[in-house]
Amino acid sequence: MAGRVAGKVAFITGAARGQGRSHAVRLAQEGADIIAVDVAEAVEGVEYPGASEEDLAETVKQVEDLGRRVVAAKADVRDYDALKKALDEGVAEFGHVDIVSANAGIFIFGDETHLVSEQAWRNVTDINLTGVWHTCKAAVPHLIEQGTGGSIVLTSSTAGHKGLTNCAAYTASKHAVVGLMRTMANELAPHRIRVNTVHPTSVATDMALNDATYKLFRPDLEHPTRDDAVDAFQAINALPLPWVEPIDISNAVLFLASDEARYVTGTELKVDAGCTVK
């Protein structure tokens, strides 16, 4: 039985671990070959550990174990030339690209807006917004030239709908991604290229489940643990759970990438356990 994205090629940023790896594996399970990109190193100012080259190699292994092909590259989404080179090499290998998952992002938090440092602001916006634009800028010419349509999925957040206290740069970047999506959905519709966003609540990845984030949710404790923070995580969601799993976001990306969503564009798909309606 053919998969839901059989014969397609997916370009995924931030693919070394977390949601990016999950997207790569889920799309591979449904028949896609993968172009996987990640910076695969720590990012200045981020309080949780960065992904590694070993993490990216593990993504490659998991995709290949499913019998799918994968081209992986270490590239920073802030570096347009490096990102374009990685994509172009993947397209040269596979012959085309059909799905774009602009997933790479970082989470820097903790200060009120007027106290955010210049460097922290630049790091977040350069990766979460400019990096998404770079991803699209590299991929769109391929999609247009091919003339076969395509699907672009930009990863936003519940912070793309709500104002999160002490998360100014992150919140601003995730709102901006929605504006980028809306503009591109109009620009690319004549080419049958669909553009949508996904909006997760907290996801059980290293970005959310770490000591610094536990402190954000439980500032009343000096060294809060995951168990200490569970109730605070759950309090932001309408459904009674603290976070969703990466696969939940990957299933949304798969839907938007598949022909099941052939007429879905300009949509903000929430996978947020009711966070944005609470």
Protein backbone atom coordinates (compact mmCIF):
# COMPACT_ATOMS: atom_id res chain seq x y z
CA MET A 1 0.00 0.00 0.00
CA ALA A 2 1.45 3.36 -1.06
CA GLY A 3 2.19 5.87 1.66
CA ARG A 4 0.48 9.23 1.96
CA VAL A 5 3.57 11.07 0.64
CA ALA A 6 5.05 8.27 -1.45
CA GLY A 7 7.48 9.46 -4.09
CA LYS A 8 7.89 12.89 -2.52
CA VAL A 9 11.01 14.53 -1.11
CA ALA A 10 10.86 16.54 2.11
CA PHE A 11 13.32 19.29 3.10
CA ILE A 12 13.41 19.59 6.91
CA THR A 13 15.40 22.04 9.02
CA GLY A 14 16.24 21.36 12.65
CA ALA A 15 16.14 17.68 11.77
CA ALA A 16 18.74 16.34 14.21
CA ARG A 17 16.34 15.69 17.08
CA GLY A 18 13.01 16.67 18.62
CA GLN A 19 10.20 17.67 16.30
CA GLY A 20 12.48 17.79 13.26
CA ARG A 21 13.61 14.20 13.65
CA SER A 22 10.04 13.15 14.33
CA HIS A 23 8.87 14.88 11.13
CA ALA A 24 11.61 13.18 9.12
CA VAL A 25 10.75 9.73 10.46
CA ARG A 26 6.98 10.19 10.11
CA LEU A 27 7.22 11.41 6.52
CA ALA A 28 9.66 8.58 5.72
CA GLN A 29 7.18 6.09 7.17
CA GLU A 30 4.70 7.38 4.60
CA GLY A 31 7.09 7.08 1.65
CA ALA A 32 9.08 10.32 1.49
CA ASP A 33 12.81 10.69 1.01
CA ILE A 34 14.42 13.29 3.25
CA ILE A 35 16.80 16.23 2.96
CA ALA A 36 17.76 16.80 6.60
CA VAL A 37 19.55 19.93 7.82
CA ASP A 38 20.61 21.00 11.29
CA VAL A 39 23.16 23.37 12.82
CA ALA A 40 24.17 20.42 15.04
CA GLU A 41 25.90 22.52 17.66
CA ALA A 42 25.10 24.77 20.61
CA VAL A 43 23.65 28.23 19.94
CA GLU A 44 24.89 31.17 21.98
CA GLY A 45 22.48 32.24 24.72
CA VAL A 46 20.34 29.08 24.64
CA GLU A 47 20.16 27.50 28.09
CA TYR A 48 19.44 23.95 26.98
CA PRO A 49 22.00 21.75 25.17
CA GLY A 50 22.21 22.03 21.41
CA ALA A 51 21.82 19.14 19.01
CA SER A 52 24.96 17.33 17.87
CA GLU A 53 26.31 15.76 14.71
CA GLU A 54 25.65 12.40 16.40
CA ASP A 55 22.00 13.40 16.75
CA LEU A 56 21.82 14.19 13.04
CA ALA A 57 23.45 10.84 12.26
CA GLU A 58 20.78 9.13 14.34
CA THR A 59 18.06 10.83 12.30
CA VAL A 60 19.75 9.53 9.15
CA LYS A 61 19.86 6.02 10.60
CA GLN A 62 16.19 6.06 11.58
CA VAL A 63 15.13 7.20 8.12
CA GLU A 64 17.34 4.63 6.38
CA ASP A 65 16.05 1.89 8.68
CA LEU A 66 12.64 2.58 7.13
CA GLY A 67 14.05 1.90 3.67
CA ARG A 68 13.99 5.55 2.60
CA ARG A 69 16.82 7.65 1.25
CA VAL A 70 18.21 10.65 3.11
CA VAL A 71 20.74 13.39 2.41
CA ALA A 72 21.89 15.18 5.57
CA ALA A 73 23.97 18.31 6.00
CA LYS A 74 25.27 20.42 8.86
CA ALA A 75 24.09 23.94 8.07
CA ASP A 76 22.86 26.97 9.98
CA VAL A 77 19.56 28.47 8.82
CA ARG A 78 21.07 31.90 9.49
CA ASP A 79 23.58 31.22 6.69
CA TYR A 80 21.55 31.37 3.48
CA ASP A 81 24.37 30.22 1.22
CA ALA A 82 25.08 27.14 3.35
CA LEU A 83 21.40 26.30 3.60
CA LYS A 84 20.85 26.69 -0.15
CA LYS A 85 23.91 24.53 -0.85
CA ALA A 86 22.53 21.76 1.38
CA LEU A 87 19.15 21.87 -0.34
CA ASP A 88 20.61 22.07 -3.84
CA GLU A 89 22.77 19.00 -3.14
CA GLY A 90 19.70 17.13 -1.94
CA VAL A 91 17.72 18.11 -5.01
CA ALA A 92 20.63 17.05 -7.23
CA GLU A 93 20.53 13.64 -5.52
CA PHE A 94 16.77 13.10 -5.59
CA GLY A 95 15.75 15.19 -8.61
CA HIS A 96 13.09 17.27 -6.89
CA VAL A 97 11.71 18.61 -3.60
CA ASP A 98 8.00 18.64 -2.78
CA ILE A 99 7.61 19.29 0.94
CA VAL A 100 9.29 21.96 3.06
CA SER A 101 9.23 21.84 6.86
CA ALA A 102 10.78 25.04 8.23
CA ASN A 103 11.10 23.64 11.73
CA ALA A 104 14.42 24.93 13.11
CA GLY A 105 13.99 27.27 16.07
CA ILE A 106 15.28 28.24 19.50
CA PHE A 107 13.65 29.36 22.74
CA ILE A 108 15.32 32.15 24.75
CA PHE A 109 13.29 33.55 27.64
CA GLY A 110 13.34 34.92 31.15
CA ASP A 111 13.52 38.72 30.83
CA GLU A 112 10.80 41.32 30.46
CA THR A 113 10.74 42.89 27.01
CA HIS A 114 12.68 46.03 27.93
CA LEU A 115 15.41 43.94 29.56
CA VAL A 116 16.05 41.54 26.67
CA SER A 117 19.64 41.83 25.45
CA GLU A 118 20.46 42.88 21.92
CA GLN A 119 22.22 39.57 21.31
CA ALA A 120 19.35 37.44 22.60
CA TRP A 121 16.87 39.34 20.41
CA ARG A 122 19.06 38.87 17.32
CA ASN A 123 19.68 35.19 18.01
CA VAL A 124 15.98 34.40 18.29
CA THR A 125 14.78 36.48 15.35
CA ASP A 126 17.70 35.44 13.12
CA ILE A 127 16.88 31.75 13.60
CA ASN A 128 13.11 31.70 14.17
CA LEU A 129 12.16 34.24 11.52
CA THR A 130 15.03 34.94 9.15
CA GLY A 131 15.94 31.24 9.19
CA VAL A 132 12.39 30.35 8.14
CA TRP A 133 12.54 32.94 5.37
CA HIS A 134 15.92 31.57 4.25
CA THR A 135 14.42 28.06 4.13
CA CYS A 136 11.58 29.23 1.92
CA LYS A 137 13.86 31.45 -0.18
CA ALA A 138 16.05 28.44 -0.97
CA ALA A 139 13.18 26.06 -1.69
CA VAL A 140 10.60 28.12 -3.55
CA PRO A 141 12.57 28.48 -6.83
CA HIS A 142 12.82 24.68 -7.02
CA LEU A 143 9.10 24.28 -6.35
CA ILE A 144 8.12 26.87 -8.96
CA GLU A 145 10.49 25.51 -11.61
CA GLN A 146 9.25 21.97 -11.13
CA GLY A 147 5.69 23.07 -11.83
CA THR A 148 4.18 20.26 -9.76
CA GLY A 149 2.95 22.25 -6.77
CA GLY A 150 4.11 21.55 -3.26
CA SER A 151 3.54 22.07 0.45
CA ILE A 152 5.41 24.41 2.79
CA VAL A 153 4.81 24.05 6.52
CA LEU A 154 6.22 26.69 8.85
CA THR A 155 6.52 25.87 12.54
CA SER A 156 5.01 28.62 14.67
CA SER A 157 3.72 28.12 18.23
CA THR A 158 0.92 28.98 20.60
CA ALA A 159 3.18 32.03 21.00
CA GLY A 160 2.15 32.87 17.45
CA HIS A 161 -1.34 33.56 18.84
CA LYS A 162 -0.77 34.65 22.46
CA GLY A 163 1.53 37.07 24.23
CA LEU A 164 3.77 34.98 26.48
CA THR A 165 5.20 36.89 29.43
CA ASN A 166 9.01 37.11 29.52
CA CYS A 167 9.27 35.61 26.03
CA ALA A 168 9.22 38.75 23.86
CA ALA A 169 11.65 37.76 21.11
CA TYR A 170 10.24 34.26 20.80
CA THR A 171 6.64 35.48 20.76
CA ALA A 172 7.40 38.20 18.22
CA SER A 173 9.20 35.74 15.94
CA LYS A 174 6.38 33.22 16.04
CA HIS A 175 3.76 35.88 15.27
CA ALA A 176 5.94 37.06 12.38
CA VAL A 177 6.09 33.54 10.93
CA VAL A 178 2.30 33.67 10.57
CA GLY A 179 2.55 36.90 8.58
CA LEU A 180 5.18 35.32 6.35
CA MET A 181 2.92 32.32 5.78
CA ARG A 182 -0.08 34.46 4.86
CA THR A 183 1.91 36.47 2.31
CA MET A 184 3.48 33.39 0.73
CA ALA A 185 0.15 31.55 0.60
CA ASN A 186 -1.12 34.32 -1.68
CA GLU A 187 2.07 34.62 -3.73
CA LEU A 188 2.47 30.90 -4.36
CA ALA A 189 -1.14 29.85 -4.85
CA PRO A 190 -0.94 30.37 -8.65
CA HIS A 191 1.82 27.74 -8.65
CA ARG A 192 -0.31 25.29 -6.61
CA ILE A 193 2.16 25.61 -3.74
CA ARG A 194 0.37 25.57 -0.41
CA VAL A 195 1.74 27.35 2.67
CA ASN A 196 0.52 26.75 6.21
CA THR A 197 1.68 27.02 9.82
CA VAL A 198 1.50 24.56 12.71
CA HIS A 199 1.10 25.85 16.25
CA PRO A 200 2.19 23.45 19.00
CA THR A 201 1.73 23.93 22.70
CA SER A 202 4.62 22.67 24.86
CA VAL A 203 6.15 19.59 23.22
CA ALA A 204 8.10 16.88 25.05
CA THR A 205 11.50 17.75 23.54
CA ASP A 206 14.76 19.15 24.88
CA MET A 207 13.54 22.66 24.07
CA ALA A 208 10.70 22.42 26.58
CA LEU A 209 11.83 19.85 29.11
CA ASN A 210 14.98 21.26 30.68
CA ASP A 211 16.05 22.90 33.93
CA ALA A 212 15.80 26.45 32.58
CA THR A 213 12.22 25.97 31.38
CA TYR A 214 11.22 24.33 34.64
CA LYS A 215 12.47 27.50 36.35
CA LEU A 216 10.42 29.65 33.95
CA PHE A 217 7.28 27.74 34.95
CA ARG A 218 8.19 27.52 38.65
CA PRO A 219 10.09 30.71 39.56
CA ASP A 220 9.06 30.18 43.18
CA LEU A 221 11.48 27.25 43.48
CA GLU A 222 15.26 27.50 43.41
CA HIS A 223 15.88 24.23 41.54
CA PRO A 224 12.55 22.94 40.20
CA THR A 225 12.38 19.48 38.66
CA ARG A 226 10.22 18.13 35.87
CA ASP A 227 7.78 16.81 38.45
CA ASP A 228 7.64 20.24 40.10
CA ALA A 229 6.75 21.88 36.78
CA VAL A 230 4.13 19.42 35.51
CA ASP A 231 1.13 21.19 37.05
CA ALA A 232 2.30 24.57 35.74
CA PHE A 233 2.75 23.16 32.23
CA GLN A 234 -0.72 21.59 32.41
CA ALA A 235 -2.29 24.83 33.62
CA ILE A 236 -1.74 26.51 30.23
CA ASN A 237 -3.70 23.83 28.34
CA ALA A 238 -7.44 23.24 28.25
CA LEU A 239 -7.03 19.49 27.90
CA PRO A 240 -5.68 17.87 31.06
CA LEU A 241 -2.11 17.20 29.94
CA PRO A 242 1.15 19.12 30.39
CA TRP A 243 2.58 18.70 26.91
CA VAL A 244 2.07 16.89 23.62
CA GLU A 245 4.49 14.49 21.95
CA PRO A 246 6.55 15.24 18.81
CA ILE A 247 4.51 12.68 16.86
CA ASP A 248 1.40 14.80 17.40
CA ILE A 249 3.01 17.68 15.51
CA SER A 250 4.45 15.33 12.90
CA ASN A 251 1.01 13.95 12.13
CA ALA A 252 -0.19 17.51 11.50
CA VAL A 253 2.80 18.17 9.21
CA LEU A 254 2.08 14.92 7.38
CA PHE A 255 -1.55 15.93 6.82
CA LEU A 256 -0.57 19.35 5.46
CA ALA A 257 2.09 17.75 3.24
CA SER A 258 -0.26 15.11 1.83
CA ASP A 259 -2.88 15.27 -0.89
CA GLU A 260 -5.50 15.03 1.86
CA ALA A 261 -4.79 18.74 2.37
CA ARG A 262 -4.66 19.56 -1.35
CA TYR A 263 -6.90 22.61 -0.93
CA VAL A 264 -5.60 23.70 2.48
CA THR A 265 -3.48 26.84 2.34
CA GLY A 266 -3.13 29.93 4.50
CA THR A 267 -4.20 27.90 7.53
CA GLU A 268 -2.92 28.08 11.10
CA LEU A 269 -3.21 24.50 12.35
CA LYS A 270 -3.16 24.36 16.14
CA VAL A 271 -1.95 21.23 17.90
CA ASP A 272 -2.13 22.92 21.27
CA ALA A 273 -4.33 20.90 23.65
CA GLY A 274 -6.62 23.93 23.76
CA CYS A 275 -3.93 26.33 24.97
CA THR A 276 -4.99 29.20 22.74
CA VAL A 277 -8.68 29.00 23.69
CA LYS A 278 -8.06 28.91 27.43
